[in-house]
Amino acid sequence: MREEKRGFTIIELIVVLGIISLLCTLAFRFSLTGIRENEVSGAVQGFVFAARQAQILSRAGEGNAPCGVYAQTGGITVFQGESYATRDTSLDRIFPVADSVFFTGDTEIIFADFTGKPDVGGVLVVSSSGVSSVSVTINAEGMVEY
């Protein structure tokens, strides 16, 4: 009588390991995309909050100078002054943003004293690599839409 050997062949093991590797790669890719989308969404919410805060401070006449918002990789800054370059840095309010998030378009918006109207209406585009971008629009009256 012939004895049967039990076990897996090397081919079967390689196929199973290949399938497991493929599934792990796909799961990682989808989770990374979800993380990036969440970071972009958080940056959009942060910019909208910061823009509204700068507008409120301008309407209140905070420090008798206009207030503005400036978005850059790593953070969003609410500042007081005629521009981001000439601002009073001791009054900055900085909101951190993930380093993977990028801002393009109108990254600096200044709101006029007492009226709260922006110096320019414009569009800020918030994006991250491999994820669709989100546009934030500030119209001439200071309304923020996204």
Protein backbone atom coordinates (compact mmCIF):
# COMPACT_ATOMS: atom_id res chain seq x y z
CA MET A 1 0.00 0.00 0.00
CA ARG A 2 1.20 3.44 -0.91
CA GLU A 3 1.50 6.15 1.78
CA GLU A 4 0.08 9.64 0.96
CA LYS A 5 2.07 12.69 1.88
CA ARG A 6 0.15 15.58 3.35
CA GLY A 7 1.09 19.26 3.07
CA PHE A 8 1.32 22.15 0.64
CA THR A 9 3.50 22.47 -2.37
CA ILE A 10 5.84 25.42 -2.75
CA ILE A 11 3.72 26.72 -5.64
CA GLU A 12 0.61 26.80 -3.46
CA LEU A 13 2.48 28.69 -0.74
CA ILE A 14 3.83 31.26 -3.21
CA VAL A 15 0.35 31.86 -4.68
CA VAL A 16 -1.17 32.35 -1.22
CA LEU A 17 1.61 34.74 -0.18
CA GLY A 18 1.16 36.67 -3.44
CA ILE A 19 -2.58 37.09 -2.82
CA ILE A 20 -1.99 38.22 0.76
CA SER A 21 0.64 40.74 -0.41
CA LEU A 22 -1.73 42.14 -3.03
CA LEU A 23 -4.54 42.55 -0.50
CA CYS A 24 -2.23 44.27 1.98
CA THR A 25 -0.98 46.67 -0.71
CA LEU A 26 -4.53 47.58 -1.76
CA ALA A 27 -5.63 48.10 1.85
CA PHE A 28 -2.66 50.39 2.52
CA ARG A 29 -3.32 52.41 -0.64
CA PHE A 30 -6.99 52.94 0.19
CA SER A 31 -6.28 53.88 3.80
CA LEU A 32 -3.60 56.36 2.70
CA THR A 33 -6.07 57.99 0.28
CA GLY A 34 -8.62 58.25 3.10
CA ILE A 35 -6.07 59.88 5.38
CA ARG A 36 -5.11 62.44 2.70
CA GLU A 37 -8.78 63.27 2.01
CA ASN A 38 -9.31 63.78 5.73
CA GLU A 39 -6.28 66.10 5.92
CA VAL A 40 -7.59 68.19 3.01
CA SER A 41 -11.03 68.38 4.61
CA GLY A 42 -9.49 69.48 7.91
CA ALA A 43 -7.39 72.14 6.15
CA VAL A 44 -10.48 73.51 4.38
CA GLN A 45 -12.39 73.68 7.67
CA GLY A 46 -9.39 75.33 9.34
CA PHE A 47 -9.07 77.95 6.59
CA VAL A 48 -12.79 78.76 6.70
CA PHE A 49 -12.63 79.15 10.49
CA ALA A 50 -9.51 81.32 10.28
CA ALA A 51 -11.01 83.53 7.54
CA ARG A 52 -14.18 84.07 9.57
CA GLN A 53 -12.12 84.86 12.66
CA ALA A 54 -10.02 87.42 10.75
CA GLN A 55 -13.19 88.98 9.34
CA ILE A 56 -14.79 89.25 12.80
CA LEU A 57 -11.63 90.81 14.25
CA SER A 58 -11.57 93.35 11.40
CA ARG A 59 -15.23 94.24 11.90
CA ALA A 60 -14.60 94.72 15.61
CA GLY A 61 -11.76 97.14 14.83
CA GLU A 62 -9.26 94.97 16.68
CA GLY A 63 -6.09 97.06 17.15
CA ASN A 64 -7.24 99.71 14.66
CA ALA A 65 -5.67 97.72 11.84
CA PRO A 66 -7.09 95.30 9.29
CA CYS A 67 -6.81 91.59 9.92
CA GLY A 68 -6.15 88.88 7.41
CA VAL A 69 -5.58 85.20 6.87
CA TYR A 70 -2.58 83.57 5.19
CA ALA A 71 -2.42 79.91 4.18
CA GLN A 72 0.84 78.06 3.62
CA THR A 73 2.10 74.51 3.90
CA GLY A 74 2.21 73.62 7.57
CA GLY A 75 -0.26 76.20 8.87
CA ILE A 76 -2.87 78.90 8.49
CA THR A 77 -2.18 82.25 10.15
CA VAL A 78 -4.65 84.90 11.26
CA PHE A 79 -2.67 88.13 11.45
CA GLN A 80 -3.11 91.83 12.11
CA GLY A 81 -1.64 94.35 9.68
CA GLU A 82 -1.78 95.66 6.12
CA SER A 83 -0.19 92.47 4.77
CA TYR A 84 1.31 89.21 5.95
CA ALA A 85 4.81 90.53 5.26
CA THR A 86 4.31 93.67 7.40
CA ARG A 87 2.15 92.14 10.15
CA ASP A 88 2.69 92.35 13.90
CA THR A 89 3.98 88.80 14.52
CA SER A 90 3.23 88.97 18.24
CA LEU A 91 -0.51 88.95 17.42
CA ASP A 92 -0.42 85.95 15.06
CA ARG A 93 -2.87 83.11 15.61
CA ILE A 94 -1.52 79.99 13.93
CA PHE A 95 -3.58 76.91 13.10
CA PRO A 96 -1.44 73.88 12.20
CA VAL A 97 -2.14 71.95 9.00
CA ALA A 98 -0.65 68.64 7.83
CA ASP A 99 2.54 69.07 5.81
CA SER A 100 1.05 66.98 2.99
CA VAL A 101 -1.57 69.69 2.28
CA PHE A 102 -0.81 72.40 -0.29
CA PHE A 103 -2.49 75.77 -0.86
CA THR A 104 -2.58 77.53 -4.23
CA GLY A 105 -4.44 80.55 -5.52
CA ASP A 106 -5.27 83.48 -3.24
CA THR A 107 -3.37 82.43 -0.13
CA GLU A 108 -3.52 85.88 1.52
CA ILE A 109 -6.82 87.66 2.19
CA ILE A 110 -7.00 90.99 4.07
CA PHE A 111 -10.32 92.12 5.56
CA ALA A 112 -11.02 95.87 5.81
CA ASP A 113 -11.56 97.55 9.16
CA PHE A 114 -15.18 97.76 10.34
CA THR A 115 -16.73 96.45 7.08
CA GLY A 116 -14.99 93.09 7.05
CA LYS A 117 -14.89 93.10 3.26
CA PRO A 118 -11.89 91.34 1.69
CA ASP A 119 -9.33 93.27 -0.34
CA VAL A 120 -9.86 90.78 -3.16
CA GLY A 121 -12.45 88.13 -3.76
CA GLY A 122 -10.73 84.98 -4.81
CA VAL A 123 -10.33 81.25 -4.81
CA LEU A 124 -8.01 79.21 -2.64
CA VAL A 125 -7.36 75.64 -3.77
CA VAL A 126 -6.54 73.11 -1.07
CA SER A 127 -5.01 69.84 -2.25
CA SER A 128 -2.81 66.92 -1.36
CA SER A 129 -0.91 64.51 -3.57
CA GLY A 130 -3.12 61.84 -5.08
CA VAL A 131 -6.36 63.36 -3.76
CA SER A 132 -8.84 65.62 -5.49
CA SER A 133 -8.60 69.29 -4.54
CA VAL A 134 -11.19 71.51 -2.86
CA SER A 135 -11.81 75.14 -3.84
CA VAL A 136 -12.69 77.73 -1.21
CA THR A 137 -14.22 80.91 -2.63
CA ILE A 138 -14.39 84.27 -0.86
CA ASN A 139 -16.60 86.75 -2.70
CA ALA A 140 -16.39 90.55 -2.67
CA GLU A 141 -18.73 90.74 0.36
CA GLY A 142 -16.63 88.32 2.38
CA MET A 143 -18.91 85.28 2.08
CA VAL A 144 -16.97 82.01 2.22
CA GLU A 145 -18.14 79.07 0.13
CA TYR A 146 -16.64 75.63 -0.42
